[in-house]
Amino acid sequence: STQTQTLKHSIARKMPILIPRGVELPLSEEQLKGILKRYDTNRDGKLSRKELKAAFQSLGLRFSGWRAIRALWHADANGDGVISEEEEMNHLVMYASKKWGFTIS
């Protein structure tokens, strides 16, 4: 719909993104966390750089490998190279909303 397209364009002001079909905008914090957690492919409860890259690609973010490195640098509080704790996930979501234009309701 026109309203959805307008909303998508207003969210993507900083960097163009593609929103997967079926994802309503704006995203709640829990919805974005859910999208990211789907890419925990080995089910270890952690998001590696490779898994973050795949998640960012699915969201239509360009330069997803670089973004995964930056996201880990900002959100990986304990320095273990993965997003492993709820606090780190919260930092990741806040970073994504601030840097990449995701609107968190």
PDB file of N, CA and C in Angstrom:
ATOM      1  N   SER A   1       0.831  -1.186   0.000  1.00  0.00           N
ATOM      2  CA  SER A   1       0.000   0.000   0.000  1.00  0.00           C
ATOM      3  C   SER A   1       0.876   1.249   0.000  1.00  0.00           C
ATOM      4  N   THR A   2       0.294   2.347  -0.353  1.00  0.00           N
ATOM      5  CA  THR A   2       1.031   3.611  -0.408  1.00  0.00           C
ATOM      6  C   THR A   2       1.514   4.019   0.969  1.00  0.00           C
ATOM      7  N   GLN A   3       0.675   3.815   1.995  1.00  0.00           N
ATOM      8  CA  GLN A   3       1.059   4.180   3.353  1.00  0.00           C
ATOM      9  C   GLN A   3       2.260   3.359   3.808  1.00  0.00           C
ATOM     10  N   THR A   4       2.267   2.062   3.506  1.00  0.00           N
ATOM     11  CA  THR A   4       3.389   1.211   3.889  1.00  0.00           C
ATOM     12  C   THR A   4       4.655   1.639   3.169  1.00  0.00           C
ATOM     13  N   GLN A   5       4.555   1.953   1.870  1.00  0.00           N
ATOM     14  CA  GLN A   5       5.721   2.404   1.116  1.00  0.00           C
ATOM     15  C   GLN A   5       6.275   3.701   1.695  1.00  0.00           C
ATOM     16  N   THR A   6       5.390   4.634   2.038  1.00  0.00           N
ATOM     17  CA  THR A   6       5.820   5.897   2.624  1.00  0.00           C
ATOM     18  C   THR A   6       6.549   5.649   3.930  1.00  0.00           C
ATOM     19  N   LEU A   7       6.017   4.758   4.764  1.00  0.00           N
ATOM     20  CA  LEU A   7       6.637   4.432   6.039  1.00  0.00           C
ATOM     21  C   LEU A   7       7.999   3.789   5.819  1.00  0.00           C
ATOM     22  N   LYS A   8       8.080   2.883   4.849  1.00  0.00           N
ATOM     23  CA  LYS A   8       9.359   2.246   4.561  1.00  0.00           C
ATOM     24  C   LYS A   8      10.401   3.289   4.155  1.00  0.00           C
ATOM     25  N   HIS A   9      10.008   4.229   3.319  1.00  0.00           N
ATOM     26  CA  HIS A   9      10.943   5.257   2.877  1.00  0.00           C
ATOM     27  C   HIS A   9      11.351   6.175   4.023  1.00  0.00           C
ATOM     28  N   SER A  10      10.446   6.491   4.934  1.00  0.00           N
ATOM     29  CA  SER A  10      10.806   7.375   6.045  1.00  0.00           C
ATOM     30  C   SER A  10      11.743   6.678   7.019  1.00  0.00           C
ATOM     31  N   ILE A  11      11.619   5.376   7.151  1.00  0.00           N
ATOM     32  CA  ILE A  11      12.506   4.625   8.041  1.00  0.00           C
ATOM     33  C   ILE A  11      13.889   4.507   7.430  1.00  0.00           C
ATOM     34  N   ALA A  12      13.966   4.424   6.138  1.00  0.00           N
ATOM     35  CA  ALA A  12      15.224   4.156   5.457  1.00  0.00           C
ATOM     36  C   ALA A  12      15.965   5.419   5.044  1.00  0.00           C
ATOM     37  N   ARG A  13      15.758   6.514   5.738  1.00  0.00           N
ATOM     38  CA  ARG A  13      16.402   7.768   5.362  1.00  0.00           C
ATOM     39  C   ARG A  13      17.924   7.686   5.397  1.00  0.00           C
ATOM     40  N   LYS A  14      18.474   7.044   6.415  1.00  0.00           N
ATOM     41  CA  LYS A  14      19.922   7.007   6.559  1.00  0.00           C
ATOM     42  C   LYS A  14      20.569   6.050   5.568  1.00  0.00           C
ATOM     43  N   MET A  15      20.007   4.882   5.383  1.00  0.00           N
ATOM     44  CA  MET A  15      20.568   3.888   4.478  1.00  0.00           C
ATOM     45  C   MET A  15      19.416   3.047   3.960  1.00  0.00           C
ATOM     46  N   PRO A  16      19.267   2.907   2.671  1.00  0.00           N
ATOM     47  CA  PRO A  16      18.149   2.131   2.139  1.00  0.00           C
ATOM     48  C   PRO A  16      18.162   0.699   2.648  1.00  0.00           C
ATOM     49  N   ILE A  17      17.010   0.237   3.066  1.00  0.00           N
ATOM     50  CA  ILE A  17      16.853  -1.140   3.525  1.00  0.00           C
ATOM     51  C   ILE A  17      15.620  -1.716   2.858  1.00  0.00           C
ATOM     52  N   LEU A  18      15.561  -3.012   2.783  1.00  0.00           N
ATOM     53  CA  LEU A  18      14.377  -3.711   2.308  1.00  0.00           C
ATOM     54  C   LEU A  18      13.750  -4.398   3.499  1.00  0.00           C
ATOM     55  N   ILE A  19      12.457  -4.262   3.655  1.00  0.00           N
ATOM     56  CA  ILE A  19      11.774  -4.885   4.772  1.00  0.00           C
ATOM     57  C   ILE A  19      11.176  -6.202   4.291  1.00  0.00           C
ATOM     58  N   PRO A  20      11.477  -7.326   4.962  1.00  0.00           N
ATOM     59  CA  PRO A  20      10.921  -8.607   4.532  1.00  0.00           C
ATOM     60  C   PRO A  20       9.394  -8.575   4.529  1.00  0.00           C
ATOM     61  N   ARG A  21       8.809  -9.297   3.592  1.00  0.00           N
ATOM     62  CA  ARG A  21       7.347  -9.375   3.536  1.00  0.00           C
ATOM     63  C   ARG A  21       6.810  -9.903   4.854  1.00  0.00           C
ATOM     64  N   GLY A  22       5.682  -9.373   5.265  1.00  0.00           N
ATOM     65  CA  GLY A  22       5.033  -9.816   6.499  1.00  0.00           C
ATOM     66  C   GLY A  22       5.520  -9.115   7.744  1.00  0.00           C
ATOM     67  N   VAL A  23       6.523  -8.254   7.615  1.00  0.00           N
ATOM     68  CA  VAL A  23       7.031  -7.512   8.766  1.00  0.00           C
ATOM     69  C   VAL A  23       6.321  -6.167   8.807  1.00  0.00           C
ATOM     70  N   GLU A  24       5.606  -5.932   9.882  1.00  0.00           N
ATOM     71  CA  GLU A  24       4.891  -4.670  10.044  1.00  0.00           C
ATOM     72  C   GLU A  24       5.832  -3.611  10.589  1.00  0.00           C
ATOM     73  N   LEU A  25       5.605  -2.377  10.197  1.00  0.00           N
ATOM     74  CA  LEU A  25       6.437  -1.271  10.649  1.00  0.00           C
ATOM     75  C   LEU A  25       5.621  -0.289  11.446  1.00  0.00           C
ATOM     76  N   PRO A  26       6.130   0.383  12.431  1.00  0.00           N
ATOM     77  CA  PRO A  26       7.482   0.188  12.942  1.00  0.00           C
ATOM     78  C   PRO A  26       7.599  -1.120  13.708  1.00  0.00           C
ATOM     79  N   LEU A  27       8.798  -1.604  13.861  1.00  0.00           N
ATOM     80  CA  LEU A  27       9.056  -2.837  14.595  1.00  0.00           C
ATOM     81  C   LEU A  27       9.099  -2.551  16.088  1.00  0.00           C
ATOM     82  N   SER A  28       8.581  -3.488  16.863  1.00  0.00           N
ATOM     83  CA  SER A  28       8.803  -3.382  18.299  1.00  0.00           C
ATOM     84  C   SER A  28      10.205  -3.916  18.579  1.00  0.00           C
ATOM     85  N   GLU A  29      10.719  -3.604  19.724  1.00  0.00           N
ATOM     86  CA  GLU A  29      12.035  -4.109  20.112  1.00  0.00           C
ATOM     87  C   GLU A  29      12.041  -5.638  20.074  1.00  0.00           C
ATOM     88  N   GLU A  30      10.968  -6.244  20.560  1.00  0.00           N
ATOM     89  CA  GLU A  30      10.882  -7.703  20.590  1.00  0.00           C
ATOM     90  C   GLU A  30      10.812  -8.296  19.181  1.00  0.00           C
ATOM     91  N   GLN A  31      10.137  -7.609  18.252  1.00  0.00           N
ATOM     92  CA  GLN A  31      10.080  -8.098  16.871  1.00  0.00           C
ATOM     93  C   GLN A  31      11.463  -8.091  16.236  1.00  0.00           C
ATOM     94  N   LEU A  32      12.210  -7.025  16.420  1.00  0.00           N
ATOM     95  CA  LEU A  32      13.559  -6.967  15.850  1.00  0.00           C
ATOM     96  C   LEU A  32      14.448  -8.033  16.483  1.00  0.00           C
ATOM     97  N   LYS A  33      14.338  -8.214  17.785  1.00  0.00           N
ATOM     98  CA  LYS A  33      15.106  -9.273  18.450  1.00  0.00           C
ATOM     99  C   LYS A  33      14.733 -10.636  17.875  1.00  0.00           C
ATOM    100  N   GLY A  34      13.439 -10.854  17.661  1.00  0.00           N
ATOM    101  CA  GLY A  34      12.976 -12.127  17.097  1.00  0.00           C
ATOM    102  C   GLY A  34      13.536 -12.381  15.707  1.00  0.00           C
ATOM    103  N   ILE A  35      13.559 -11.338  14.877  1.00  0.00           N
ATOM    104  CA  ILE A  35      14.118 -11.467  13.529  1.00  0.00           C
ATOM    105  C   ILE A  35      15.594 -11.839  13.627  1.00  0.00           C
ATOM    106  N   LEU A  36      16.323 -11.158  14.495  1.00  0.00           N
ATOM    107  CA  LEU A  36      17.758 -11.439  14.634  1.00  0.00           C
ATOM    108  C   LEU A  36      17.997 -12.847  15.177  1.00  0.00           C
ATOM    109  N   LYS A  37      17.228 -13.260  16.162  1.00  0.00           N
ATOM    110  CA  LYS A  37      17.429 -14.576  16.792  1.00  0.00           C
ATOM    111  C   LYS A  37      17.119 -15.727  15.840  1.00  0.00           C
ATOM    112  N   ARG A  38      16.310 -15.495  14.822  1.00  0.00           N
ATOM    113  CA  ARG A  38      16.031 -16.544  13.832  1.00  0.00           C
ATOM    114  C   ARG A  38      17.302 -16.991  13.121  1.00  0.00           C
ATOM    115  N   TYR A  39      18.314 -16.149  13.119  1.00  0.00           N
ATOM    116  CA  TYR A  39      19.546 -16.461  12.401  1.00  0.00           C
ATOM    117  C   TYR A  39      20.599 -17.137  13.276  1.00  0.00           C
ATOM    118  N   ASP A  40      20.210 -17.542  14.466  1.00  0.00           N
ATOM    119  CA  ASP A  40      21.080 -18.358  15.322  1.00  0.00           C
ATOM    120  C   ASP A  40      21.021 -19.780  14.764  1.00  0.00           C
ATOM    121  N   THR A  41      21.732 -20.004  13.669  1.00  0.00           N
ATOM    122  CA  THR A  41      21.577 -21.241  12.904  1.00  0.00           C
ATOM    123  C   THR A  41      22.059 -22.484  13.636  1.00  0.00           C
ATOM    124  N   ASN A  42      23.028 -22.358  14.515  1.00  0.00           N
ATOM    125  CA  ASN A  42      23.500 -23.531  15.251  1.00  0.00           C
ATOM    126  C   ASN A  42      22.802 -23.690  16.605  1.00  0.00           C
ATOM    127  N   ARG A  43      21.855 -22.819  16.889  1.00  0.00           N
ATOM    128  CA  ARG A  43      20.997 -22.897  18.094  1.00  0.00           C
ATOM    129  C   ARG A  43      21.790 -22.906  19.397  1.00  0.00           C
ATOM    130  N   ASP A  44      22.883 -22.146  19.429  1.00  0.00           N
ATOM    131  CA  ASP A  44      23.669 -22.089  20.661  1.00  0.00           C
ATOM    132  C   ASP A  44      23.270 -20.908  21.557  1.00  0.00           C
ATOM    133  N   GLY A  45      22.267 -20.137  21.118  1.00  0.00           N
ATOM    134  CA  GLY A  45      21.821 -18.998  21.902  1.00  0.00           C
ATOM    135  C   GLY A  45      22.681 -17.763  21.731  1.00  0.00           C
ATOM    136  N   LYS A  46      23.586 -17.804  20.751  1.00  0.00           N
ATOM    137  CA  LYS A  46      24.496 -16.693  20.501  1.00  0.00           C
ATOM    138  C   LYS A  46      24.431 -16.328  19.027  1.00  0.00           C
ATOM    139  N   LEU A  47      24.699 -15.068  18.723  1.00  0.00           N
ATOM    140  CA  LEU A  47      24.770 -14.620  17.341  1.00  0.00           C
ATOM    141  C   LEU A  47      26.212 -14.295  16.986  1.00  0.00           C
ATOM    142  N   SER A  48      26.760 -15.075  16.072  1.00  0.00           N
ATOM    143  CA  SER A  48      28.132 -14.855  15.607  1.00  0.00           C
ATOM    144  C   SER A  48      28.139 -13.779  14.527  1.00  0.00           C
ATOM    145  N   ARG A  49      29.322 -13.375  14.117  1.00  0.00           N
ATOM    146  CA  ARG A  49      29.450 -12.403  13.029  1.00  0.00           C
ATOM    147  C   ARG A  49      28.788 -12.935  11.763  1.00  0.00           C
ATOM    148  N   LYS A  50      29.006 -14.210  11.461  1.00  0.00           N
ATOM    149  CA  LYS A  50      28.415 -14.828  10.268  1.00  0.00           C
ATOM    150  C   LYS A  50      26.884 -14.828  10.354  1.00  0.00           C
ATOM    151  N   GLU A  51      26.353 -15.141  11.515  1.00  0.00           N
ATOM    152  CA  GLU A  51      24.894 -15.154  11.696  1.00  0.00           C
ATOM    153  C   GLU A  51      24.316 -13.740  11.615  1.00  0.00           C
ATOM    154  N   LEU A  52      25.016 -12.771  12.198  1.00  0.00           N
ATOM    155  CA  LEU A  52      24.573 -11.376  12.087  1.00  0.00           C
ATOM    156  C   LEU A  52      24.580 -10.919  10.638  1.00  0.00           C
ATOM    157  N   LYS A  53      25.613 -11.302   9.911  1.00  0.00           N
ATOM    158  CA  LYS A  53      25.694 -10.926   8.495  1.00  0.00           C
ATOM    159  C   LYS A  53      24.473 -11.462   7.741  1.00  0.00           C
ATOM    160  N   ALA A  54      24.123 -12.717   7.972  1.00  0.00           N
ATOM    161  CA  ALA A  54      22.956 -13.314   7.306  1.00  0.00           C
ATOM    162  C   ALA A  54      21.665 -12.599   7.705  1.00  0.00           C
ATOM    163  N   ALA A  55      21.543 -12.245   8.984  1.00  0.00           N
ATOM    164  CA  ALA A  55      20.355 -11.519   9.454  1.00  0.00           C
ATOM    165  C   ALA A  55      20.260 -10.159   8.786  1.00  0.00           C
ATOM    166  N   PHE A  56      21.369  -9.453   8.714  1.00  0.00           N
ATOM    167  CA  PHE A  56      21.373  -8.130   8.102  1.00  0.00           C
ATOM    168  C   PHE A  56      21.076  -8.212   6.604  1.00  0.00           C
ATOM    169  N   GLN A  57      21.594  -9.261   5.950  1.00  0.00           N
ATOM    170  CA  GLN A  57      21.281  -9.457   4.529  1.00  0.00           C
ATOM    171  C   GLN A  57      19.786  -9.670   4.347  1.00  0.00           C
ATOM    172  N   SER A  58      19.174 -10.453   5.242  1.00  0.00           N
ATOM    173  CA  SER A  58      17.737 -10.734   5.118  1.00  0.00           C
ATOM    174  C   SER A  58      16.900  -9.476   5.304  1.00  0.00           C
ATOM    175  N   LEU A  59      17.421  -8.533   6.068  1.00  0.00           N
ATOM    176  CA  LEU A  59      16.729  -7.263   6.279  1.00  0.00           C
ATOM    177  C   LEU A  59      17.004  -6.271   5.146  1.00  0.00           C
ATOM    178  N   GLY A  60      17.814  -6.700   4.186  1.00  0.00           N
ATOM    179  CA  GLY A  60      18.094  -5.862   3.032  1.00  0.00           C
ATOM    180  C   GLY A  60      19.147  -4.809   3.267  1.00  0.00           C
ATOM    181  N   LEU A  61      19.918  -4.953   4.334  1.00  0.00           N
ATOM    182  CA  LEU A  61      20.966  -3.972   4.621  1.00  0.00           C
ATOM    183  C   LEU A  61      22.166  -4.213   3.711  1.00  0.00           C
ATOM    184  N   ARG A  62      22.640  -3.168   3.095  1.00  0.00           N
ATOM    185  CA  ARG A  62      23.841  -3.256   2.273  1.00  0.00           C
ATOM    186  C   ARG A  62      25.067  -3.350   3.178  1.00  0.00           C
ATOM    187  N   PHE A  63      26.129  -3.894   2.631  1.00  0.00           N
ATOM    188  CA  PHE A  63      27.399  -4.025   3.372  1.00  0.00           C
ATOM    189  C   PHE A  63      27.199  -4.800   4.678  1.00  0.00           C
ATOM    190  N   SER A  64      26.470  -5.906   4.598  1.00  0.00           N
ATOM    191  CA  SER A  64      26.090  -6.645   5.799  1.00  0.00           C
ATOM    192  C   SER A  64      27.287  -7.204   6.571  1.00  0.00           C
ATOM    193  N   GLY A  65      28.352  -7.594   5.878  1.00  0.00           N
ATOM    194  CA  GLY A  65      29.543  -8.085   6.585  1.00  0.00           C
ATOM    195  C   GLY A  65      30.181  -6.999   7.427  1.00  0.00           C
ATOM    196  N   TRP A  66      30.327  -5.821   6.832  1.00  0.00           N
ATOM    197  CA  TRP A  66      30.880  -4.681   7.559  1.00  0.00           C
ATOM    198  C   TRP A  66      29.962  -4.303   8.725  1.00  0.00           C
ATOM    199  N   ARG A  67      28.654  -4.321   8.492  1.00  0.00           N
ATOM    200  CA  ARG A  67      27.702  -3.975   9.554  1.00  0.00           C
ATOM    201  C   ARG A  67      27.764  -4.986  10.704  1.00  0.00           C
ATOM    202  N   ALA A  68      27.971  -6.253  10.384  1.00  0.00           N
ATOM    203  CA  ALA A  68      28.078  -7.275  11.428  1.00  0.00           C
ATOM    204  C   ALA A  68      29.299  -7.006  12.310  1.00  0.00           C
ATOM    205  N   ILE A  69      30.412  -6.650  11.682  1.00  0.00           N
ATOM    206  CA  ILE A  69      31.624  -6.322  12.449  1.00  0.00           C
ATOM    207  C   ILE A  69      31.379  -5.112  13.345  1.00  0.00           C
ATOM    208  N   ARG A  70      30.765  -4.058  12.775  1.00  0.00           N
ATOM    209  CA  ARG A  70      30.471  -2.844  13.554  1.00  0.00           C
ATOM    210  C   ARG A  70      29.499  -3.133  14.695  1.00  0.00           C
ATOM    211  N   ALA A  71      28.490  -3.937  14.416  1.00  0.00           N
ATOM    212  CA  ALA A  71      27.495  -4.266  15.442  1.00  0.00           C
ATOM    213  C   ALA A  71      28.148  -5.012  16.603  1.00  0.00           C
ATOM    214  N   LEU A  72      29.019  -5.964  16.281  1.00  0.00           N
ATOM    215  CA  LEU A  72      29.726  -6.680  17.351  1.00  0.00           C
ATOM    216  C   LEU A  72      30.612  -5.727  18.138  1.00  0.00           C
ATOM    217  N   TRP A  73      31.290  -4.844  17.448  1.00  0.00           N
ATOM    218  CA  TRP A  73      32.167  -3.897  18.128  1.00  0.00           C
ATOM    219  C   TRP A  73      31.374  -3.048  19.117  1.00  0.00           C
ATOM    220  N   HIS A  74      30.162  -2.662  18.752  1.00  0.00           N
ATOM    221  CA  HIS A  74      29.349  -1.809  19.620  1.00  0.00           C
ATOM    222  C   HIS A  74      28.595  -2.579  20.698  1.00  0.00           C
ATOM    223  N   ALA A  75      28.156  -3.794  20.399  1.00  0.00           N
ATOM    224  CA  ALA A  75      27.239  -4.479  21.313  1.00  0.00           C
ATOM    225  C   ALA A  75      27.862  -5.614  22.116  1.00  0.00           C
ATOM    226  N   ASP A  76      29.010  -6.113  21.724  1.00  0.00           N
ATOM    227  CA  ASP A  76      29.631  -7.254  22.408  1.00  0.00           C
ATOM    228  C   ASP A  76      30.383  -6.771  23.648  1.00  0.00           C
ATOM    229  N   ALA A  77      29.657  -6.637  24.740  1.00  0.00           N
ATOM    230  CA  ALA A  77      30.217  -6.042  25.964  1.00  0.00           C
ATOM    231  C   ALA A  77      31.337  -6.875  26.576  1.00  0.00           C
ATOM    232  N   ASN A  78      31.236  -8.201  26.502  1.00  0.00           N
ATOM    233  CA  ASN A  78      32.255  -9.026  27.149  1.00  0.00           C
ATOM    234  C   ASN A  78      33.388  -9.434  26.211  1.00  0.00           C
ATOM    235  N   GLY A  79      33.332  -9.012  24.946  1.00  0.00           N
ATOM    236  CA  GLY A  79      34.430  -9.241  24.022  1.00  0.00           C
ATOM    237  C   GLY A  79      34.637 -10.670  23.562  1.00  0.00           C
ATOM    238  N   ASP A  80      33.614 -11.520  23.661  1.00  0.00           N
ATOM    239  CA  ASP A  80      33.776 -12.912  23.253  1.00  0.00           C
ATOM    240  C   ASP A  80      33.492 -13.154  21.769  1.00  0.00           C
ATOM    241  N   GLY A  81      33.168 -12.089  21.026  1.00  0.00           N
ATOM    242  CA  GLY A  81      32.977 -12.216  19.590  1.00  0.00           C
ATOM    243  C   GLY A  81      31.590 -12.616  19.147  1.00  0.00           C
ATOM    244  N   VAL A  82      30.664 -12.684  20.082  1.00  0.00           N
ATOM    245  CA  VAL A  82      29.274 -13.038  19.764  1.00  0.00           C
ATOM    246  C   VAL A  82      28.329 -12.180  20.605  1.00  0.00           C
ATOM    247  N   ILE A  83      27.095 -12.085  20.139  1.00  0.00           N
ATOM    248  CA  ILE A  83      26.034 -11.461  20.936  1.00  0.00           C
ATOM    249  C   ILE A  83      25.412 -12.597  21.728  1.00  0.00           C
ATOM    250  N   SER A  84      25.682 -12.610  23.037  1.00  0.00           N
ATOM    251  CA  SER A  84      25.341 -13.795  23.819  1.00  0.00           C
ATOM    252  C   SER A  84      24.417 -13.548  25.002  1.00  0.00           C
ATOM    253  N   GLU A  85      24.249 -12.330  25.386  1.00  0.00           N
ATOM    254  CA  GLU A  85      23.444 -12.047  26.572  1.00  0.00           C
ATOM    255  C   GLU A  85      22.332 -11.082  26.210  1.00  0.00           C
ATOM    256  N   GLU A  86      21.305 -11.049  27.023  1.00  0.00           N
ATOM    257  CA  GLU A  86      20.177 -10.153  26.771  1.00  0.00           C
ATOM    258  C   GLU A  86      20.631  -8.698  26.728  1.00  0.00           C
ATOM    259  N   GLU A  87      21.559  -8.343  27.593  1.00  0.00           N
ATOM    260  CA  GLU A  87      22.061  -6.965  27.597  1.00  0.00           C
ATOM    261  C   GLU A  87      22.751  -6.637  26.277  1.00  0.00           C
ATOM    262  N   GLU A  88      23.526  -7.581  25.752  1.00  0.00           N
ATOM    263  CA  GLU A  88      24.181  -7.364  24.470  1.00  0.00           C
ATOM    264  C   GLU A  88      23.152  -7.256  23.344  1.00  0.00           C
ATOM    265  N   MET A  89      22.092  -8.069  23.409  1.00  0.00           N
ATOM    266  CA  MET A  89      21.040  -7.991  22.399  1.00  0.00           C
ATOM    267  C   MET A  89      20.349  -6.633  22.464  1.00  0.00           C
ATOM    268  N   ASN A  90      20.127  -6.133  23.661  1.00  0.00           N
ATOM    269  CA  ASN A  90      19.527  -4.804  23.818  1.00  0.00           C
ATOM    270  C   ASN A  90      20.425  -3.733  23.192  1.00  0.00           C
ATOM    271  N   HIS A  91      21.727  -3.842  23.400  1.00  0.00           N
ATOM    272  CA  HIS A  91      22.680  -2.889  22.808  1.00  0.00           C
ATOM    273  C   HIS A  91      22.643  -2.986  21.288  1.00  0.00           C
ATOM    274  N   LEU A  92      22.556  -4.206  20.764  1.00  0.00           N
ATOM    275  CA  LEU A  92      22.497  -4.407  19.321  1.00  0.00           C
ATOM    276  C   LEU A  92      21.251  -3.757  18.729  1.00  0.00           C
ATOM    277  N   VAL A  93      20.110  -3.953  19.369  1.00  0.00           N
ATOM    278  CA  VAL A  93      18.852  -3.376  18.884  1.00  0.00           C
ATOM    279  C   VAL A  93      18.917  -1.851  18.925  1.00  0.00           C
ATOM    280  N   MET A  94      19.447  -1.299  20.001  1.00  0.00           N
ATOM    281  CA  MET A  94      19.557   0.158  20.089  1.00  0.00           C
ATOM    282  C   MET A  94      20.524   0.700  19.033  1.00  0.00           C
ATOM    283  N   TYR A  95      21.614  -0.011  18.803  1.00  0.00           N
ATOM    284  CA  TYR A  95      22.571   0.399  17.772  1.00  0.00           C
ATOM    285  C   TYR A  95      21.907   0.379  16.395  1.00  0.00           C
ATOM    286  N   ALA A  96      21.158  -0.691  16.103  1.00  0.00           N
ATOM    287  CA  ALA A  96      20.476  -0.804  14.812  1.00  0.00           C
ATOM    288  C   ALA A  96      19.464   0.318  14.623  1.00  0.00           C
ATOM    289  N   SER A  97      18.753   0.667  15.672  1.00  0.00           N
ATOM    290  CA  SER A  97      17.756   1.728  15.532  1.00  0.00           C
ATOM    291  C   SER A  97      18.412   3.089  15.356  1.00  0.00           C
ATOM    292  N   LYS A  98      19.533   3.287  16.018  1.00  0.00           N
ATOM    293  CA  LYS A  98      20.215   4.589  15.933  1.00  0.00           C
ATOM    294  C   LYS A  98      20.973   4.746  14.615  1.00  0.00           C
ATOM    295  N   LYS A  99      21.697   3.728  14.200  1.00  0.00           N
ATOM    296  CA  LYS A  99      22.590   3.850  13.049  1.00  0.00           C
ATOM    297  C   LYS A  99      21.943   3.537  11.711  1.00  0.00           C
ATOM    298  N   TRP A 100      20.933   2.652  11.703  1.00  0.00           N
ATOM    299  CA  TRP A 100      20.419   2.171  10.430  1.00  0.00           C
ATOM    300  C   TRP A 100      18.974   2.541  10.168  1.00  0.00           C
ATOM    301  N   GLY A 101      18.410   3.369  11.053  1.00  0.00           N
ATOM    302  CA  GLY A 101      17.098   3.908  10.773  1.00  0.00           C
ATOM    303  C   GLY A 101      15.923   3.030  11.113  1.00  0.00           C
ATOM    304  N   PHE A 102      16.142   1.928  11.831  1.00  0.00           N
ATOM    305  CA  PHE A 102      14.996   1.123  12.252  1.00  0.00           C
ATOM    306  C   PHE A 102      14.220   1.919  13.282  1.00  0.00           C
ATOM    307  N   THR A 103      12.915   1.964  13.138  1.00  0.00           N
ATOM    308  CA  THR A 103      12.073   2.635  14.110  1.00  0.00           C
ATOM    309  C   THR A 103      11.588   1.587  15.096  1.00  0.00           C
ATOM    310  N   ILE A 104      11.915   1.774  16.349  1.00  0.00           N
ATOM    311  CA  ILE A 104      11.524   0.843  17.398  1.00  0.00           C
ATOM    312  C   ILE A 104      10.387   1.491  18.176  1.00  0.00           C
ATOM    313  N   SER A 105       9.247   0.782  18.211  1.00  0.00           N
ATOM    314  CA  SER A 105       8.090   1.357  18.919  1.00  0.00           C
ATOM    315  C   SER A 105       8.026   0.862  20.342  1.00  0.00           C
TER     316      SER A 105
END
